[in-house]
C-alpha cells in the first residue's frame, strides 16, 4: 500500500517560523493600510509649504514679509505667521525648484518620524524583552498612520523638526546634564513659539541651567533675526503675534485647543476671554504639576508628554498637525500595561483600563477629527452632544490624558530612566 502523506507539523506558539509568519503578516497588513490614508482627497498637496515658499518669494522681491496673504476656501485668508527666525531658515529653500523643496521636506519628516519613534520605543523594547525589529517596524507604521503625521507630511509642515529638537534636548541632553542642554528647546521656541511651554517644564522641574540656556538661545535667535530683518521683526513682535485671526478661524474644527472648543460653542461670536484665561491657568497649573511629579519620579517621557498636551490645550490655535504628543502618550500607556501584574486583581483592573485607554487613544488619533469629516466652511455652533465630542475629540482626549496618564517609578536599586 502507498504510504500515507505526512501532515506538516502544526504551528505552535513556540514555533519560530510561525511567529515570523505572523509578524510578517502584521507588518504587511499595516503597510497595506497606509496608502489609503494618503490617497488624493485625504491629503493637502503641500498647501502650507507652498504658502511658505510664495511668502519667501514675496519677501525677496522687497515686500514686507507679513503683508503676504493668500485666499483660502475655509479660513478666508491665510498670512505668513511664523516668527522672523523661521523665515530666515525657510528663505534659502525658495531658491530651489518647488518639487525639490517638497522632496527635502518630506524626506526630513520621514527621517524624523523614524528616528524619534526609535527613541521612544527602544527603552520599552529593552525593559520588556520585546522583539526589537518587529516592534520598531510596527510602531513606525502606526506613527505614519496617525492624523498629525499625515497632516504634517501632506501640508509640508515643519513640526517634526521641532519634535526632534525638543526630544533631543529633553530625552538626552537634559537628563545627561550636557552643557548644551536647553539649546534644542530654545531653537524650537524661536522657530514656532509653541515649544516655549517646555521652558516652563524646565523651570517646574528645577532644571535651572537648561531653562536659562533655552531662554538665552531663543533670545539670541530672535535678536539675530532682528538684526537681519529689523522692520519685519518689530512688526511681528509688536502686532502680528497678537492677531490670531491671521492664522485662521478659531472655531474651525481643525483648531483643537481650549479656545477652539469655546469658539465652537459660541460661534459666530467670540468666546469670553476671561473664561478662556481661567481655563488656561487651571490646565497649565494642573498639567505642569503632574509633569513635574512624573519628572521627579524619574519618568522623563511622561513628564514631557504631559507638557506637550498642556501646550496644545492652552495655545489659542492648535492645528491637528501640532498634536504629536499623543504618540508618546500611547508609548507611556503601553509601557504601563506591560508593567502591570495580570495575576493580581488591582493590577489586572488597572491593566484593562490602561489598555482600553491606549487602544482608544490610538483609534482617535488615527481616525482623526478632520481627515474623514467635512465640517463645512461657515462658522457653526456645536448643537448636539455627539457633535460636541466629534468636533473636540483631541481637546477632550488631552484633558483625559492630563488626569490619567500614568508615570513609571523606578524600581528599587534602578536608576531613573525615560
Protein backbone atom coordinates (compact mmCIF):
# COMPACT_ATOMS: atom_id res chain seq x y z
CA UNK A 1 0.00 0.00 0.00
CA UNK A 2 1.28 3.52 -0.74
CA UNK A 3 2.46 5.40 2.27
CA UNK A 4 0.04 7.93 3.63
CA UNK A 5 1.14 11.57 3.21
CA UNK A 6 2.68 13.02 6.30
CA UNK A 7 0.92 16.13 7.60
CA UNK A 8 3.13 19.18 8.11
CA UNK A 9 3.98 19.90 11.72
CA UNK A 10 1.46 22.09 13.49
CA UNK A 11 2.41 25.69 14.06
CA UNK A 12 2.53 26.37 17.78
CA UNK A 13 3.18 29.40 19.91
CA UNK A 14 6.73 28.15 20.42
CA UNK A 15 7.40 27.71 16.71
CA UNK A 16 9.81 30.43 15.49
CA UNK A 17 8.60 30.01 11.93
CA UNK A 18 5.02 30.61 12.98
CA UNK A 19 5.96 33.72 14.93
CA UNK A 20 7.88 35.08 11.96
CA UNK A 21 4.93 34.48 9.63
CA UNK A 22 2.51 36.23 11.97
CA UNK A 23 4.83 39.18 12.42
CA UNK A 24 5.35 39.48 8.68
CA UNK A 25 1.59 39.34 8.09
CA UNK A 26 1.07 42.10 10.66
CA UNK A 27 3.67 44.36 9.05
CA UNK A 28 2.28 43.74 5.54
CA UNK A 29 -1.29 44.44 6.70
CA UNK A 30 -0.29 47.74 8.34
CA UNK A 31 1.79 48.77 5.32
CA UNK A 32 -1.15 47.97 3.02
CA UNK A 33 -3.49 50.26 5.01
CA UNK A 34 -1.19 53.30 4.89
CA UNK A 35 -1.73 54.24 1.21
CA UNK A 36 -5.48 54.52 1.82
CA UNK A 37 -4.77 57.22 4.42
CA UNK A 38 -2.65 59.21 1.95
CA UNK A 39 -4.93 58.97 -1.10
CA UNK A 40 -5.88 62.09 -3.09
CA UNK A 41 -8.79 63.77 -1.38
CA UNK A 42 -7.35 62.92 2.03
CA UNK A 43 -4.18 64.95 1.63
CA UNK A 44 -3.32 68.62 1.17
CA UNK A 45 -0.85 68.76 -1.72
CA UNK A 46 1.79 70.55 0.40
CA UNK A 47 -0.53 73.53 0.79
CA UNK A 48 1.30 75.14 3.72
CA UNK A 49 4.74 74.61 2.23
CA UNK A 50 3.60 76.38 -0.94
CA UNK A 51 2.42 79.32 1.16
CA UNK A 52 5.84 79.47 2.84
CA UNK A 53 7.67 79.47 -0.48
CA UNK A 54 5.39 82.09 -2.06
CA UNK A 55 5.81 84.26 1.02
CA UNK A 56 9.59 83.92 0.70
CA UNK A 57 9.42 84.96 -2.97
CA UNK A 58 7.24 87.93 -1.97
CA UNK A 59 9.74 88.89 0.73
CA UNK A 60 12.74 88.51 -1.59
CA UNK A 61 11.02 90.88 -4.04
CA UNK A 62 11.22 93.63 -1.42
CA UNK A 63 7.71 93.45 0.06
CA UNK A 64 7.05 93.38 3.83
CA UNK A 65 7.05 89.73 4.90
CA UNK A 66 3.87 89.90 6.95
CA UNK A 67 1.87 91.59 4.18
CA UNK A 68 1.78 88.31 2.25
CA UNK A 69 -1.76 86.91 2.13
CA UNK A 70 -3.38 84.07 0.24
CA UNK A 71 -7.15 83.44 -0.17
CA UNK A 72 -8.43 80.20 1.34
CA UNK A 73 -11.78 78.43 0.98
CA UNK A 74 -12.08 77.53 4.67
CA UNK A 75 -10.09 80.20 6.50
CA UNK A 76 -10.90 83.14 4.22
CA UNK A 77 -7.34 84.47 4.12
CA UNK A 78 -4.03 83.00 5.24
CA UNK A 79 -0.92 85.02 6.05
CA UNK A 80 2.68 84.12 6.77
CA UNK A 81 2.64 83.90 10.57
CA UNK A 82 5.90 82.30 11.67
CA UNK A 83 8.49 84.28 13.66
CA UNK A 84 11.25 86.01 11.65
CA UNK A 85 13.82 83.36 12.67
CA UNK A 86 11.76 80.70 10.88
CA UNK A 87 11.61 82.94 7.81
CA UNK A 88 15.42 83.19 7.76
CA UNK A 89 15.68 79.39 7.71
CA UNK A 90 12.95 78.99 5.08
CA UNK A 91 14.21 81.65 2.68
CA UNK A 92 17.05 79.59 1.10
CA UNK A 93 14.53 76.91 0.11
CA UNK A 94 12.73 79.44 -2.12
CA UNK A 95 15.83 79.42 -4.34
CA UNK A 96 15.18 75.75 -5.18
CA UNK A 97 12.52 74.38 -7.54
CA UNK A 98 9.34 73.72 -5.56
CA UNK A 99 9.48 69.99 -6.33
CA UNK A 100 12.95 69.74 -4.83
CA UNK A 101 11.83 71.58 -1.69
CA UNK A 102 8.85 69.20 -1.35
CA UNK A 103 11.15 66.19 -1.60
CA UNK A 104 13.56 67.62 1.00
CA UNK A 105 10.80 68.47 3.50
CA UNK A 106 9.11 65.10 3.04
CA UNK A 107 12.35 63.15 3.38
CA UNK A 108 13.34 65.06 6.53
CA UNK A 109 9.90 64.49 8.07
CA UNK A 110 10.02 60.76 7.29
CA UNK A 111 13.51 60.56 8.77
CA UNK A 112 12.32 62.48 11.84
CA UNK A 113 9.41 60.07 12.34
CA UNK A 114 11.68 57.02 12.15
CA UNK A 115 14.35 58.45 14.45
CA UNK A 116 12.00 59.81 17.12
CA UNK A 117 9.89 56.63 17.14
CA UNK A 118 13.05 54.63 17.72
CA UNK A 119 13.96 56.93 20.62
CA UNK A 120 10.53 56.42 22.21
CA UNK A 121 10.14 52.69 21.67
CA UNK A 122 13.65 51.30 22.23
CA UNK A 123 13.57 51.73 26.05
CA UNK A 124 10.21 49.93 26.13
CA UNK A 125 11.63 47.11 23.97
CA UNK A 126 14.64 46.73 26.27
CA UNK A 127 12.61 46.79 29.51
CA UNK A 128 10.08 44.20 28.43
CA UNK A 129 12.16 41.98 26.15
CA UNK A 130 10.05 42.65 23.05
CA UNK A 131 11.22 41.64 19.56
CA UNK A 132 13.22 44.71 18.54
CA UNK A 133 12.88 44.88 14.74
CA UNK A 134 9.22 43.83 14.69
CA UNK A 135 8.18 46.23 17.47
CA UNK A 136 10.03 49.19 15.95
CA UNK A 137 8.63 48.47 12.48
CA UNK A 138 5.04 48.25 13.74
CA UNK A 139 5.50 51.40 15.82
CA UNK A 140 6.86 53.39 12.86
CA UNK A 141 3.99 52.26 10.61
CA UNK A 142 1.44 53.21 13.25
CA UNK A 143 3.01 56.66 13.69
CA UNK A 144 2.76 57.22 9.94
CA UNK A 145 -0.95 56.33 10.21
CA UNK A 146 -1.65 58.99 12.88
CA UNK A 147 -3.51 62.07 11.63
CA UNK A 148 -0.95 64.55 12.99
CA UNK A 149 1.79 62.81 10.97
CA UNK A 150 -0.35 62.68 7.83
CA UNK A 151 -1.19 66.36 8.15
CA UNK A 152 2.46 67.28 8.79
CA UNK A 153 3.66 65.42 5.70
CA UNK A 154 0.91 66.42 3.28
CA UNK A 155 0.76 70.07 4.37
CA UNK A 156 4.57 70.32 4.19
CA UNK A 157 4.84 71.43 7.81
CA UNK A 158 7.99 71.75 9.96
CA UNK A 159 6.59 70.05 13.06
CA UNK A 160 8.95 67.06 13.06
CA UNK A 161 11.95 69.40 13.12
CA UNK A 162 10.56 70.89 16.33
CA UNK A 163 9.89 67.44 17.79
CA UNK A 164 13.45 66.31 17.02
CA UNK A 165 14.88 69.41 18.71
CA UNK A 166 12.68 69.01 21.79
CA UNK A 167 13.20 65.28 22.23
CA UNK A 168 16.96 65.55 21.68
CA UNK A 169 17.04 68.08 24.49
CA UNK A 170 14.63 66.52 26.96
CA UNK A 171 15.40 62.82 26.46
CA UNK A 172 19.18 63.05 26.19
CA UNK A 173 20.81 66.43 26.85
CA UNK A 174 18.90 67.48 29.98
CA UNK A 175 18.88 64.08 31.76
CA UNK A 176 22.55 63.65 30.85
CA UNK A 177 23.49 67.05 32.26
CA UNK A 178 25.03 68.17 28.95
CA UNK A 179 26.39 71.71 28.85
CA UNK A 180 24.28 72.46 25.77
CA UNK A 181 21.06 71.18 27.38
CA UNK A 182 18.28 73.65 26.55
CA UNK A 183 19.56 74.67 23.12
CA UNK A 184 17.08 72.42 21.28
CA UNK A 185 14.07 73.76 23.18
CA UNK A 186 15.32 77.33 22.66
CA UNK A 187 15.73 76.90 18.91
CA UNK A 188 12.32 75.25 18.62
CA UNK A 189 10.76 78.15 20.54
CA UNK A 190 12.39 80.72 18.26
CA UNK A 191 11.01 78.83 15.25
CA UNK A 192 7.39 78.42 16.35
CA UNK A 193 6.62 79.76 19.87
CA UNK A 194 4.52 76.69 20.86
CA UNK A 195 7.62 74.85 22.24
CA UNK A 196 8.04 77.67 24.78
CA UNK A 197 5.85 75.55 27.10
CA UNK A 198 8.88 73.30 27.54
CA UNK A 199 10.87 76.17 29.04
CA UNK A 200 8.19 76.24 31.75
CA UNK A 201 8.65 72.48 32.10
CA UNK A 202 12.37 73.00 32.70
CA UNK A 203 11.53 75.58 35.35
CA UNK A 204 8.97 73.47 37.24
CA UNK A 205 11.35 70.50 37.18
CA UNK A 206 14.11 72.77 38.57
CA UNK A 207 16.40 72.35 35.60
CA UNK A 208 17.53 75.92 36.13
CA UNK A 209 20.60 75.90 33.91
CA UNK A 210 18.79 74.25 31.00
CA UNK A 211 15.92 76.75 31.35
CA UNK A 212 18.38 79.66 31.20
CA UNK A 213 20.15 78.15 28.19
CA UNK A 214 16.82 77.58 26.40
CA UNK A 215 15.67 81.14 27.09
CA UNK A 216 19.02 82.60 26.02
CA UNK A 217 19.07 80.52 22.83
CA UNK A 218 15.57 81.69 21.87
CA UNK A 219 16.55 85.28 22.63
CA UNK A 220 19.79 85.11 20.61
CA UNK A 221 17.99 83.59 17.61
CA UNK A 222 15.32 86.28 17.85
CA UNK A 223 17.90 89.08 18.10
CA UNK A 224 19.79 87.63 15.12
CA UNK A 225 16.56 87.79 13.12
CA UNK A 226 16.00 91.38 14.26
CA UNK A 227 19.49 92.32 13.07
CA UNK A 228 18.82 90.83 9.62
CA UNK A 229 15.18 91.96 9.27
CA UNK A 230 14.55 94.75 11.80
CA UNK A 231 11.28 96.15 10.45
CA UNK A 232 9.66 92.73 9.94
CA UNK A 233 10.82 91.61 13.39
CA UNK A 234 9.42 94.73 15.05
CA UNK A 235 6.11 94.30 13.26
CA UNK A 236 5.83 90.61 14.22
CA UNK A 237 6.55 91.04 17.92
CA UNK A 238 4.50 94.19 18.40
CA UNK A 239 1.46 93.40 16.25
CA UNK A 240 1.22 90.21 14.18
CA UNK A 241 1.93 87.87 17.09
CA UNK A 242 -1.26 89.03 18.82
CA UNK A 243 -3.51 88.90 15.73
CA UNK A 244 -4.88 85.34 15.94
CA UNK A 245 -7.23 85.99 13.01
CA UNK A 246 -4.16 85.93 10.72
CA UNK A 247 -3.71 82.21 11.42
CA UNK A 248 -7.27 81.16 10.65
CA UNK A 249 -10.75 80.79 12.13
CA UNK A 250 -10.57 79.84 15.78
CA UNK A 251 -13.89 77.95 15.58
CA UNK A 252 -12.69 75.69 12.75
CA UNK A 253 -12.67 72.05 13.86
CA UNK A 254 -9.01 71.70 12.98
CA UNK A 255 -8.20 74.04 15.90
CA UNK A 256 -8.07 71.54 18.77
CA UNK A 257 -7.35 73.89 21.66
CA UNK A 258 -9.43 75.06 24.60
CA UNK A 259 -10.04 78.33 22.75
CA UNK A 260 -11.18 76.34 19.73
CA UNK A 261 -13.63 74.37 21.86
CA UNK A 262 -15.08 77.55 23.36
CA UNK A 263 -15.24 79.18 19.91
CA UNK A 264 -17.27 76.28 18.55
CA UNK A 265 -19.75 76.63 21.41
CA UNK A 266 -20.25 80.39 20.91
CA UNK A 267 -19.81 80.69 17.11
CA UNK A 268 -20.16 83.03 15.32
CA UNK A 269 -19.45 85.19 18.39
CA UNK A 270 -16.05 85.08 20.09
CA UNK A 271 -15.88 83.30 23.48
CA UNK A 272 -15.23 85.06 26.77
CA UNK A 273 -11.55 85.94 27.08
CA UNK A 274 -11.79 85.79 30.88
CA UNK A 275 -13.26 82.28 30.86
CA UNK A 276 -10.55 81.13 28.46
CA UNK A 277 -7.77 82.63 30.59
CA UNK A 278 -9.14 80.97 33.74
CA UNK A 279 -9.21 77.60 31.95
CA UNK A 280 -5.69 78.16 30.65
CA UNK A 281 -4.38 78.91 34.14
CA UNK A 282 -6.12 75.87 35.64
CA UNK A 283 -4.96 73.46 32.91
CA UNK A 284 -1.41 74.82 32.92
CA UNK A 285 -1.10 74.58 36.69
CA UNK A 286 -2.54 71.06 36.89
CA UNK A 287 -0.72 69.71 33.83
CA UNK A 288 2.69 71.07 34.78
CA UNK A 289 2.19 69.90 38.38
CA UNK A 290 1.69 66.36 37.09
CA UNK A 291 4.58 66.75 34.65
CA UNK A 292 6.89 67.84 37.48
CA UNK A 293 5.81 64.87 39.62
CA UNK A 294 6.50 62.49 36.74
CA UNK A 295 9.92 64.02 36.16
CA UNK A 296 10.80 63.82 39.88
CA UNK A 297 9.74 60.16 39.84
CA UNK A 298 12.24 59.56 37.05
CA UNK A 299 9.77 59.19 34.15
CA UNK A 300 11.04 61.81 31.74
CA UNK A 301 8.86 60.71 28.83
CA UNK A 302 5.65 61.03 30.83
CA UNK A 303 6.71 64.47 32.05
CA UNK A 304 7.44 65.91 28.63
CA UNK A 305 4.33 64.25 27.16
CA UNK A 306 2.09 65.91 29.75
CA UNK A 307 3.80 69.22 28.97
CA UNK A 308 3.18 68.82 25.23
CA UNK A 309 -0.51 68.11 25.91
CA UNK A 310 -0.72 71.25 28.06
CA UNK A 311 0.82 73.29 25.24
CA UNK A 312 -1.77 72.04 22.78
CA UNK A 313 -4.64 72.88 25.10
CA UNK A 314 -3.58 76.40 26.12
CA UNK A 315 -2.39 77.74 22.77
CA UNK A 316 -5.14 79.84 21.09
CA UNK A 317 -4.56 77.95 17.84
CA UNK A 318 -3.57 74.28 17.88
CA UNK A 319 -3.95 72.66 14.49
CA UNK A 320 -4.16 68.89 14.27
CA UNK A 321 -0.62 68.65 12.89
CA UNK A 322 0.72 70.25 16.10
CA UNK A 323 -0.54 67.38 18.26
CA UNK A 324 2.38 64.98 18.05
CA UNK A 325 2.22 64.46 21.83
CA UNK A 326 -0.47 61.80 21.68
CA UNK A 327 2.15 59.45 20.20
CA UNK A 328 4.46 59.37 23.24
CA UNK A 329 1.31 59.20 25.39
CA UNK A 330 0.45 55.87 23.76
CA UNK A 331 4.01 54.64 24.38
CA UNK A 332 3.71 55.57 28.08
CA UNK A 333 0.35 53.77 28.30
CA UNK A 334 1.64 50.60 26.62
CA UNK A 335 4.66 50.62 28.91
CA UNK A 336 2.34 50.82 31.93
CA UNK A 337 0.18 47.99 30.57
CA UNK A 338 3.23 45.75 30.26
CA UNK A 339 4.41 46.74 33.75
CA UNK A 340 1.11 45.84 35.42
CA UNK A 341 0.88 42.40 37.04
CA UNK A 342 -2.01 40.45 35.44
CA UNK A 343 -2.02 38.00 38.39
CA UNK A 344 -3.28 40.49 40.99
CA UNK A 345 -6.82 41.86 40.98
CA UNK A 346 -5.98 45.57 41.42
CA UNK A 347 -3.28 45.42 38.76
CA UNK A 348 -5.50 43.40 36.42
CA UNK A 349 -8.21 46.04 36.60
CA UNK A 350 -5.66 48.83 36.12
CA UNK A 351 -4.14 46.94 33.21
CA UNK A 352 -7.53 46.64 31.45
CA UNK A 353 -8.19 50.36 31.98
CA UNK A 354 -4.77 51.37 30.65
CA UNK A 355 -5.09 49.03 27.67
CA UNK A 356 -8.53 50.47 26.87
CA UNK A 357 -7.12 53.99 27.09
CA UNK A 358 -4.14 53.09 24.86
CA UNK A 359 -6.32 51.45 22.22
CA UNK A 360 -8.92 54.22 22.38
CA UNK A 361 -6.27 56.94 22.06
CA UNK A 362 -4.72 55.13 19.10
CA UNK A 363 -8.08 54.84 17.35
CA UNK A 364 -8.94 58.53 17.88
CA UNK A 365 -5.60 59.87 16.65
CA UNK A 366 -5.55 57.60 13.59
CA UNK A 367 -9.14 58.32 12.53
CA UNK A 368 -8.70 61.98 13.46
CA UNK A 369 -11.07 64.92 13.52
CA UNK A 370 -10.73 66.41 10.03
CA UNK A 371 -9.42 63.73 7.64
CA UNK A 372 -12.70 61.89 7.11
CA UNK A 373 -15.16 64.55 8.29
CA UNK A 374 -16.25 67.69 6.46
CA UNK A 375 -17.36 70.37 8.90
CA UNK A 376 -18.11 72.96 6.23
CA UNK A 377 -16.64 76.40 5.71
CA UNK A 378 -19.01 78.66 7.66
CA UNK A 379 -18.83 79.23 11.43
CA UNK A 380 -21.39 76.94 13.06
CA UNK A 381 -22.32 76.29 16.67
CA UNK A 382 -21.96 72.86 18.22
CA UNK A 383 -25.58 71.87 18.85
CA UNK A 384 -25.61 68.18 19.89
CA UNK A 385 -23.57 66.15 22.37
CA UNK A 386 -22.33 63.80 19.64
CA UNK A 387 -21.19 66.73 17.52
CA UNK A 388 -19.52 68.30 20.55
CA UNK A 389 -17.48 65.12 21.16
CA UNK A 390 -16.60 64.64 17.49
CA UNK A 391 -15.55 68.26 16.94
CA UNK A 392 -13.49 68.41 20.14
CA UNK A 393 -12.12 64.87 20.27
CA UNK A 394 -8.48 65.88 20.71
CA UNK A 395 -9.28 68.51 23.33
CA UNK A 396 -11.30 66.04 25.40
CA UNK A 397 -8.68 63.32 24.95
CA UNK A 398 -5.92 65.71 26.03
CA UNK A 399 -7.83 66.60 29.20
CA UNK A 400 -8.41 62.91 29.96
CA UNK A 401 -4.73 62.09 29.47
CA UNK A 402 -3.65 65.02 31.64
CA UNK A 403 -5.55 63.39 34.51
CA UNK A 404 -4.98 59.71 33.71
CA UNK A 405 -1.55 59.34 32.08
CA UNK A 406 0.50 57.14 34.42
CA UNK A 407 4.16 57.54 35.14
CA UNK A 408 6.53 54.74 35.95
CA UNK A 409 8.50 54.94 39.17
CA UNK A 410 12.00 53.41 39.02
CA UNK A 411 12.31 50.10 40.85
CA UNK A 412 14.45 49.90 43.96
CA UNK A 413 18.11 49.91 43.07
CA UNK A 414 17.49 51.02 39.47
CA UNK A 415 18.39 54.46 38.12
CA UNK A 416 15.67 56.70 36.76
CA UNK A 417 15.07 56.12 33.05
CA UNK A 418 12.97 57.72 30.41
